């Protein structure tokens, strides 16, 4: 999930999000959704791990990744 400032991102935000989605493109069933900025902050408080790229200075690079268990066929393993 990514924080949003409204219904649309400025061009720089779109560029950053497209690059991250492309980097994750090898994984199956990736879903990306925008959430309100302060909801993002609340969800980030419960994060297991925070990775900070100190060389990245562009805005709009905050993402929450959720993991699950994926079977050998690429489908989620749900009980």
PDB file of N, CA and C in Angstrom:
ATOM      1  N   UNK A   1       0.835  -1.161   0.000  1.00  0.00           N
ATOM      2  CA  UNK A   1       0.000   0.000   0.000  1.00  0.00           C
ATOM      3  C   UNK A   1       0.885   1.231   0.000  1.00  0.00           C
ATOM      4  N   UNK A   2       0.404   2.240  -0.621  1.00  0.00           N
ATOM      5  CA  UNK A   2       1.177   3.473  -0.723  1.00  0.00           C
ATOM      6  C   UNK A   2       0.322   4.635  -0.231  1.00  0.00           C
ATOM      7  N   UNK A   3       0.937   5.631   0.404  1.00  0.00           N
ATOM      8  CA  UNK A   3       0.150   6.778   0.848  1.00  0.00           C
ATOM      9  C   UNK A   3      -0.255   7.631  -0.333  1.00  0.00           C
ATOM     10  N   UNK A   4      -1.442   8.188  -0.258  1.00  0.00           N
ATOM     11  CA  UNK A   4      -1.898   9.054  -1.346  1.00  0.00           C
ATOM     12  C   UNK A   4      -2.215  10.433  -0.787  1.00  0.00           C
ATOM     13  N   UNK A   5      -2.109  11.410  -1.643  1.00  0.00           N
ATOM     14  CA  UNK A   5      -2.431  12.782  -1.259  1.00  0.00           C
ATOM     15  C   UNK A   5      -3.754  13.204  -1.868  1.00  0.00           C
ATOM     16  N   UNK A   6      -4.462  12.307  -2.410  1.00  0.00           N
ATOM     17  CA  UNK A   6      -5.714  12.593  -3.083  1.00  0.00           C
ATOM     18  C   UNK A   6      -5.939  11.536  -4.132  1.00  0.00           C
ATOM     19  N   UNK A   7      -6.720  11.868  -5.130  1.00  0.00           N
ATOM     20  CA  UNK A   7      -7.059  10.866  -6.130  1.00  0.00           C
ATOM     21  C   UNK A   7      -5.966  10.669  -7.175  1.00  0.00           C
ATOM     22  N   UNK A   8      -5.077  11.641  -7.332  1.00  0.00           N
ATOM     23  CA  UNK A   8      -4.027  11.505  -8.345  1.00  0.00           C
ATOM     24  C   UNK A   8      -2.673  11.866  -7.754  1.00  0.00           C
ATOM     25  N   UNK A   9      -1.661  11.269  -8.299  1.00  0.00           N
ATOM     26  CA  UNK A   9      -0.290  11.581  -7.902  1.00  0.00           C
ATOM     27  C   UNK A   9       0.320  12.537  -8.904  1.00  0.00           C
ATOM     28  N   UNK A  10       1.250  13.378  -8.470  1.00  0.00           N
ATOM     29  CA  UNK A  10       1.988  14.199  -9.421  1.00  0.00           C
ATOM     30  C   UNK A  10       2.892  13.304 -10.266  1.00  0.00           C
ATOM     31  N   UNK A  11       3.404  13.800 -11.389  1.00  0.00           N
ATOM     32  CA  UNK A  11       4.221  12.972 -12.284  1.00  0.00           C
ATOM     33  C   UNK A  11       5.396  12.278 -11.588  1.00  0.00           C
ATOM     34  N   UNK A  12       6.057  12.935 -10.651  1.00  0.00           N
ATOM     35  CA  UNK A  12       7.175  12.305  -9.951  1.00  0.00           C
ATOM     36  C   UNK A  12       6.692  11.107  -9.139  1.00  0.00           C
ATOM     37  N   UNK A  13       5.540  11.232  -8.500  1.00  0.00           N
ATOM     38  CA  UNK A  13       4.985  10.122  -7.736  1.00  0.00           C
ATOM     39  C   UNK A  13       4.639   8.950  -8.628  1.00  0.00           C
ATOM     40  N   UNK A  14       4.070   9.219  -9.779  1.00  0.00           N
ATOM     41  CA  UNK A  14       3.730   8.165 -10.730  1.00  0.00           C
ATOM     42  C   UNK A  14       5.003   7.444 -11.180  1.00  0.00           C
ATOM     43  N   UNK A  15       6.055   8.205 -11.462  1.00  0.00           N
ATOM     44  CA  UNK A  15       7.330   7.613 -11.898  1.00  0.00           C
ATOM     45  C   UNK A  15       7.898   6.681 -10.822  1.00  0.00           C
ATOM     46  N   UNK A  16       7.926   7.144  -9.578  1.00  0.00           N
ATOM     47  CA  UNK A  16       8.477   6.336  -8.487  1.00  0.00           C
ATOM     48  C   UNK A  16       7.660   5.060  -8.311  1.00  0.00           C
ATOM     49  N   UNK A  17       6.343   5.168  -8.313  1.00  0.00           N
ATOM     50  CA  UNK A  17       5.484   3.993  -8.132  1.00  0.00           C
ATOM     51  C   UNK A  17       5.636   3.007  -9.286  1.00  0.00           C
ATOM     52  N   UNK A  18       5.734   3.494 -10.505  1.00  0.00           N
ATOM     53  CA  UNK A  18       5.916   2.604 -11.653  1.00  0.00           C
ATOM     54  C   UNK A  18       7.233   1.831 -11.552  1.00  0.00           C
ATOM     55  N   UNK A  19       8.288   2.485 -11.081  1.00  0.00           N
ATOM     56  CA  UNK A  19       9.575   1.808 -10.951  1.00  0.00           C
ATOM     57  C   UNK A  19       9.537   0.740  -9.867  1.00  0.00           C
ATOM     58  N   UNK A  20       8.870   1.004  -8.775  1.00  0.00           N
ATOM     59  CA  UNK A  20       8.762   0.000  -7.709  1.00  0.00           C
ATOM     60  C   UNK A  20       7.911  -1.173  -8.175  1.00  0.00           C
ATOM     61  N   UNK A  21       6.808  -0.904  -8.823  1.00  0.00           N
ATOM     62  CA  UNK A  21       5.942  -1.974  -9.328  1.00  0.00           C
ATOM     63  C   UNK A  21       6.693  -2.810 -10.353  1.00  0.00           C
ATOM     64  N   UNK A  22       7.483  -2.176 -11.216  1.00  0.00           N
ATOM     65  CA  UNK A  22       8.281  -2.916 -12.202  1.00  0.00           C
ATOM     66  C   UNK A  22       9.318  -3.793 -11.505  1.00  0.00           C
ATOM     67  N   UNK A  23       9.913  -3.279 -10.432  1.00  0.00           N
ATOM     68  CA  UNK A  23      10.909  -4.060  -9.697  1.00  0.00           C
ATOM     69  C   UNK A  23      10.286  -5.284  -9.039  1.00  0.00           C
ATOM     70  N   UNK A  24       9.026  -5.191  -8.667  1.00  0.00           N
ATOM     71  CA  UNK A  24       8.321  -6.314  -8.044  1.00  0.00           C
ATOM     72  C   UNK A  24       7.599  -7.174  -9.074  1.00  0.00           C
ATOM     73  N   UNK A  25       7.718  -6.841 -10.331  1.00  0.00           N
ATOM     74  CA  UNK A  25       6.949  -7.477 -11.396  1.00  0.00           C
ATOM     75  C   UNK A  25       7.158  -8.964 -11.566  1.00  0.00           C
ATOM     76  N   UNK A  26       8.265  -9.521 -11.070  1.00  0.00           N
ATOM     77  CA  UNK A  26       8.493 -10.949 -11.198  1.00  0.00           C
ATOM     78  C   UNK A  26       7.634 -11.778 -10.264  1.00  0.00           C
ATOM     79  N   UNK A  27       7.034 -11.150  -9.283  1.00  0.00           N
ATOM     80  CA  UNK A  27       6.192 -11.870  -8.339  1.00  0.00           C
ATOM     81  C   UNK A  27       4.788 -11.982  -8.907  1.00  0.00           C
ATOM     82  N   UNK A  28       4.092 -13.030  -8.527  1.00  0.00           N
ATOM     83  CA  UNK A  28       2.729 -13.195  -9.004  1.00  0.00           C
ATOM     84  C   UNK A  28       1.755 -12.477  -8.088  1.00  0.00           C
ATOM     85  N   UNK A  29       0.666 -12.075  -8.653  1.00  0.00           N
ATOM     86  CA  UNK A  29      -0.462 -11.500  -7.907  1.00  0.00           C
ATOM     87  C   UNK A  29      -0.080 -10.318  -7.023  1.00  0.00           C
ATOM     88  N   UNK A  30       0.555  -9.339  -7.611  1.00  0.00           N
ATOM     89  CA  UNK A  30       0.885  -8.124  -6.866  1.00  0.00           C
ATOM     90  C   UNK A  30      -0.262  -7.155  -7.023  1.00  0.00           C
ATOM     91  N   UNK A  31      -0.743  -6.654  -5.908  1.00  0.00           N
ATOM     92  CA  UNK A  31      -1.782  -5.639  -5.927  1.00  0.00           C
ATOM     93  C   UNK A  31      -1.261  -4.390  -5.244  1.00  0.00           C
ATOM     94  N   UNK A  32      -1.508  -3.253  -5.829  1.00  0.00           N
ATOM     95  CA  UNK A  32      -1.071  -1.991  -5.253  1.00  0.00           C
ATOM     96  C   UNK A  32      -2.302  -1.124  -5.075  1.00  0.00           C
ATOM     97  N   UNK A  33      -2.423  -0.561  -3.900  1.00  0.00           N
ATOM     98  CA  UNK A  33      -3.538   0.347  -3.673  1.00  0.00           C
ATOM     99  C   UNK A  33      -3.054   1.527  -2.853  1.00  0.00           C
ATOM    100  N   UNK A  34      -3.625   2.678  -3.116  1.00  0.00           N
ATOM    101  CA  UNK A  34      -3.284   3.882  -2.372  1.00  0.00           C
ATOM    102  C   UNK A  34      -4.172   3.962  -1.138  1.00  0.00           C
ATOM    103  N   UNK A  35      -3.605   4.450  -0.050  1.00  0.00           N
ATOM    104  CA  UNK A  35      -4.383   4.690   1.155  1.00  0.00           C
ATOM    105  C   UNK A  35      -4.107   6.108   1.620  1.00  0.00           C
ATOM    106  N   UNK A  36      -4.989   6.633   2.430  1.00  0.00           N
ATOM    107  CA  UNK A  36      -4.850   7.987   2.935  1.00  0.00           C
ATOM    108  C   UNK A  36      -3.573   8.104   3.762  1.00  0.00           C
ATOM    109  N   UNK A  37      -2.948   9.238   3.678  1.00  0.00           N
ATOM    110  CA  UNK A  37      -1.633   9.470   4.285  1.00  0.00           C
ATOM    111  C   UNK A  37      -1.570   9.079   5.766  1.00  0.00           C
ATOM    112  N   UNK A  38      -2.519   9.544   6.562  1.00  0.00           N
ATOM    113  CA  UNK A  38      -2.461   9.281   7.992  1.00  0.00           C
ATOM    114  C   UNK A  38      -2.829   7.833   8.320  1.00  0.00           C
ATOM    115  N   UNK A  39      -3.639   7.191   7.486  1.00  0.00           N
ATOM    116  CA  UNK A  39      -3.892   5.754   7.640  1.00  0.00           C
ATOM    117  C   UNK A  39      -2.602   4.973   7.385  1.00  0.00           C
ATOM    118  N   UNK A  40      -1.818   5.435   6.411  1.00  0.00           N
ATOM    119  CA  UNK A  40      -0.517   4.817   6.132  1.00  0.00           C
ATOM    120  C   UNK A  40       0.376   4.893   7.366  1.00  0.00           C
ATOM    121  N   UNK A  41       0.423   6.047   8.009  1.00  0.00           N
ATOM    122  CA  UNK A  41       1.257   6.209   9.198  1.00  0.00           C
ATOM    123  C   UNK A  41       0.823   5.257  10.310  1.00  0.00           C
ATOM    124  N   UNK A  42      -0.481   5.115  10.498  1.00  0.00           N
ATOM    125  CA  UNK A  42      -0.985   4.208  11.535  1.00  0.00           C
ATOM    126  C   UNK A  42      -0.597   2.761  11.233  1.00  0.00           C
ATOM    127  N   UNK A  43      -0.730   2.346   9.993  1.00  0.00           N
ATOM    128  CA  UNK A  43      -0.370   0.986   9.618  1.00  0.00           C
ATOM    129  C   UNK A  43       1.136   0.768   9.751  1.00  0.00           C
ATOM    130  N   UNK A  44       1.933   1.781   9.439  1.00  0.00           N
ATOM    131  CA  UNK A  44       3.387   1.657   9.508  1.00  0.00           C
ATOM    132  C   UNK A  44       3.874   1.497  10.950  1.00  0.00           C
ATOM    133  N   UNK A  45       3.100   1.971  11.912  1.00  0.00           N
ATOM    134  CA  UNK A  45       3.486   1.824  13.318  1.00  0.00           C
ATOM    135  C   UNK A  45       3.580   0.352  13.724  1.00  0.00           C
ATOM    136  N   UNK A  46       2.809  -0.506  13.066  1.00  0.00           N
ATOM    137  CA  UNK A  46       2.793  -1.937  13.391  1.00  0.00           C
ATOM    138  C   UNK A  46       3.726  -2.748  12.506  1.00  0.00           C
ATOM    139  N   UNK A  47       4.592  -2.088  11.772  1.00  0.00           N
ATOM    140  CA  UNK A  47       5.469  -2.795  10.841  1.00  0.00           C
ATOM    141  C   UNK A  47       6.469  -3.671  11.584  1.00  0.00           C
ATOM    142  N   UNK A  48       6.763  -4.812  10.993  1.00  0.00           N
ATOM    143  CA  UNK A  48       7.749  -5.729  11.551  1.00  0.00           C
ATOM    144  C   UNK A  48       9.165  -5.214  11.304  1.00  0.00           C
ATOM    145  N   UNK A  49       9.359  -4.626  10.154  1.00  0.00           N
ATOM    146  CA  UNK A  49      10.689  -4.203   9.752  1.00  0.00           C
ATOM    147  C   UNK A  49      10.562  -2.939   8.909  1.00  0.00           C
ATOM    148  N   UNK A  50      11.491  -2.043   9.067  1.00  0.00           N
ATOM    149  CA  UNK A  50      11.524  -0.827   8.250  1.00  0.00           C
ATOM    150  C   UNK A  50      12.847  -0.807   7.506  1.00  0.00           C
ATOM    151  N   UNK A  51      12.779  -0.636   6.199  1.00  0.00           N
ATOM    152  CA  UNK A  51      13.979  -0.547   5.371  1.00  0.00           C
ATOM    153  C   UNK A  51      14.054   0.878   4.848  1.00  0.00           C
ATOM    154  N   UNK A  52      15.147   1.527   5.113  1.00  0.00           N
ATOM    155  CA  UNK A  52      15.317   2.900   4.666  1.00  0.00           C
ATOM    156  C   UNK A  52      16.474   2.954   3.684  1.00  0.00           C
ATOM    157  N   UNK A  53      16.211   3.478   2.502  1.00  0.00           N
ATOM    158  CA  UNK A  53      17.253   3.644   1.488  1.00  0.00           C
ATOM    159  C   UNK A  53      17.779   5.066   1.629  1.00  0.00           C
ATOM    160  N   UNK A  54      18.940   5.201   2.210  1.00  0.00           N
ATOM    161  CA  UNK A  54      19.445   6.528   2.543  1.00  0.00           C
ATOM    162  C   UNK A  54      19.820   7.359   1.322  1.00  0.00           C
ATOM    163  N   UNK A  55      20.056   6.736   0.190  1.00  0.00           N
ATOM    164  CA  UNK A  55      20.428   7.489  -0.997  1.00  0.00           C
ATOM    165  C   UNK A  55      19.242   8.000  -1.796  1.00  0.00           C
ATOM    166  N   UNK A  56      18.044   7.528  -1.488  1.00  0.00           N
ATOM    167  CA  UNK A  56      16.847   7.933  -2.229  1.00  0.00           C
ATOM    168  C   UNK A  56      16.299   9.224  -1.646  1.00  0.00           C
ATOM    169  N   UNK A  57      16.196  10.234  -2.497  1.00  0.00           N
ATOM    170  CA  UNK A  57      15.738  11.540  -2.021  1.00  0.00           C
ATOM    171  C   UNK A  57      14.391  11.947  -2.611  1.00  0.00           C
ATOM    172  N   UNK A  58      13.862  11.140  -3.537  1.00  0.00           N
ATOM    173  CA  UNK A  58      12.578  11.503  -4.141  1.00  0.00           C
ATOM    174  C   UNK A  58      11.430  11.193  -3.186  1.00  0.00           C
ATOM    175  N   UNK A  59      10.383  12.017  -3.203  1.00  0.00           N
ATOM    176  CA  UNK A  59       9.199  11.702  -2.401  1.00  0.00           C
ATOM    177  C   UNK A  59       8.388  10.576  -3.057  1.00  0.00           C
ATOM    178  N   UNK A  60       7.354  10.131  -2.387  1.00  0.00           N
ATOM    179  CA  UNK A  60       6.413   9.117  -2.879  1.00  0.00           C
ATOM    180  C   UNK A  60       7.024   7.727  -2.945  1.00  0.00           C
ATOM    181  N   UNK A  61       8.044   7.461  -2.150  1.00  0.00           N
ATOM    182  CA  UNK A  61       8.681   6.154  -2.170  1.00  0.00           C
ATOM    183  C   UNK A  61       8.356   5.317  -0.945  1.00  0.00           C
ATOM    184  N   UNK A  62       7.271   5.604  -0.262  1.00  0.00           N
ATOM    185  CA  UNK A  62       6.892   4.852   0.934  1.00  0.00           C
ATOM    186  C   UNK A  62       5.905   3.754   0.549  1.00  0.00           C
ATOM    187  N   UNK A  63       6.247   2.517   0.927  1.00  0.00           N
ATOM    188  CA  UNK A  63       5.405   1.375   0.603  1.00  0.00           C
ATOM    189  C   UNK A  63       5.292   0.466   1.812  1.00  0.00           C
ATOM    190  N   UNK A  64       4.125  -0.114   2.006  1.00  0.00           N
ATOM    191  CA  UNK A  64       3.929  -1.175   2.985  1.00  0.00           C
ATOM    192  C   UNK A  64       3.789  -2.462   2.195  1.00  0.00           C
ATOM    193  N   UNK A  65       4.605  -3.436   2.515  1.00  0.00           N
ATOM    194  CA  UNK A  65       4.526  -4.728   1.840  1.00  0.00           C
ATOM    195  C   UNK A  65       3.953  -5.737   2.826  1.00  0.00           C
ATOM    196  N   UNK A  66       2.992  -6.506   2.376  1.00  0.00           N
ATOM    197  CA  UNK A  66       2.460  -7.575   3.207  1.00  0.00           C
ATOM    198  C   UNK A  66       2.820  -8.887   2.547  1.00  0.00           C
ATOM    199  N   UNK A  67       3.194  -9.832   3.363  1.00  0.00           N
ATOM    200  CA  UNK A  67       3.607 -11.119   2.828  1.00  0.00           C
ATOM    201  C   UNK A  67       2.579 -12.173   3.211  1.00  0.00           C
ATOM    202  N   UNK A  68       2.649 -13.264   2.526  1.00  0.00           N
ATOM    203  CA  UNK A  68       1.798 -14.400   2.812  1.00  0.00           C
ATOM    204  C   UNK A  68       2.551 -15.665   2.445  1.00  0.00           C
ATOM    205  N   UNK A  69       1.865 -16.759   2.495  1.00  0.00           N
ATOM    206  CA  UNK A  69       2.473 -18.032   2.120  1.00  0.00           C
ATOM    207  C   UNK A  69       1.967 -18.387   0.728  1.00  0.00           C
ATOM    208  N   UNK A  70       2.898 -18.633  -0.169  1.00  0.00           N
ATOM    209  CA  UNK A  70       2.547 -18.937  -1.553  1.00  0.00           C
ATOM    210  C   UNK A  70       2.979 -20.355  -1.870  1.00  0.00           C
ATOM    211  N   UNK A  71       2.060 -21.109  -2.456  1.00  0.00           N
ATOM    212  CA  UNK A  71       2.355 -22.492  -2.821  1.00  0.00           C
ATOM    213  C   UNK A  71       3.195 -22.590  -4.075  1.00  0.00           C
ATOM    214  N   UNK A  72       3.630 -23.792  -4.431  1.00  0.00           N
ATOM    215  CA  UNK A  72       4.487 -23.974  -5.602  1.00  0.00           C
ATOM    216  C   UNK A  72       3.812 -23.584  -6.919  1.00  0.00           C
ATOM    217  N   UNK A  73       2.477 -23.572  -6.935  1.00  0.00           N
ATOM    218  CA  UNK A  73       1.767 -23.168  -8.144  1.00  0.00           C
ATOM    219  C   UNK A  73       1.563 -21.667  -8.236  1.00  0.00           C
ATOM    220  N   UNK A  74       2.037 -20.915  -7.219  1.00  0.00           N
ATOM    221  CA  UNK A  74       1.900 -19.464  -7.239  1.00  0.00           C
ATOM    222  C   UNK A  74       0.647 -18.966  -6.574  1.00  0.00           C
ATOM    223  N   UNK A  75      -0.230 -19.865  -6.141  1.00  0.00           N
ATOM    224  CA  UNK A  75      -1.459 -19.459  -5.468  1.00  0.00           C
ATOM    225  C   UNK A  75      -1.224 -19.350  -3.967  1.00  0.00           C
ATOM    226  N   UNK A  76      -1.994 -18.491  -3.330  1.00  0.00           N
ATOM    227  CA  UNK A  76      -1.914 -18.369  -1.874  1.00  0.00           C
ATOM    228  C   UNK A  76      -2.351 -19.656  -1.220  1.00  0.00           C
ATOM    229  N   UNK A  77      -1.678 -20.012  -0.144  1.00  0.00           N
ATOM    230  CA  UNK A  77      -2.082 -21.172   0.650  1.00  0.00           C
ATOM    231  C   UNK A  77      -2.979 -20.680   1.776  1.00  0.00           C
ATOM    232  N   UNK A  78      -4.241 -20.867   1.596  1.00  0.00           N
ATOM    233  CA  UNK A  78      -5.208 -20.417   2.596  1.00  0.00           C
ATOM    234  C   UNK A  78      -5.748 -21.640   3.338  1.00  0.00           C
ATOM    235  N   UNK A  79      -5.874 -21.532   4.669  1.00  0.00           N
ATOM    236  CA  UNK A  79      -6.414 -22.680   5.405  1.00  0.00           C
ATOM    237  C   UNK A  79      -7.868 -22.925   5.088  1.00  0.00           C
TER     238      UNK A  79
END
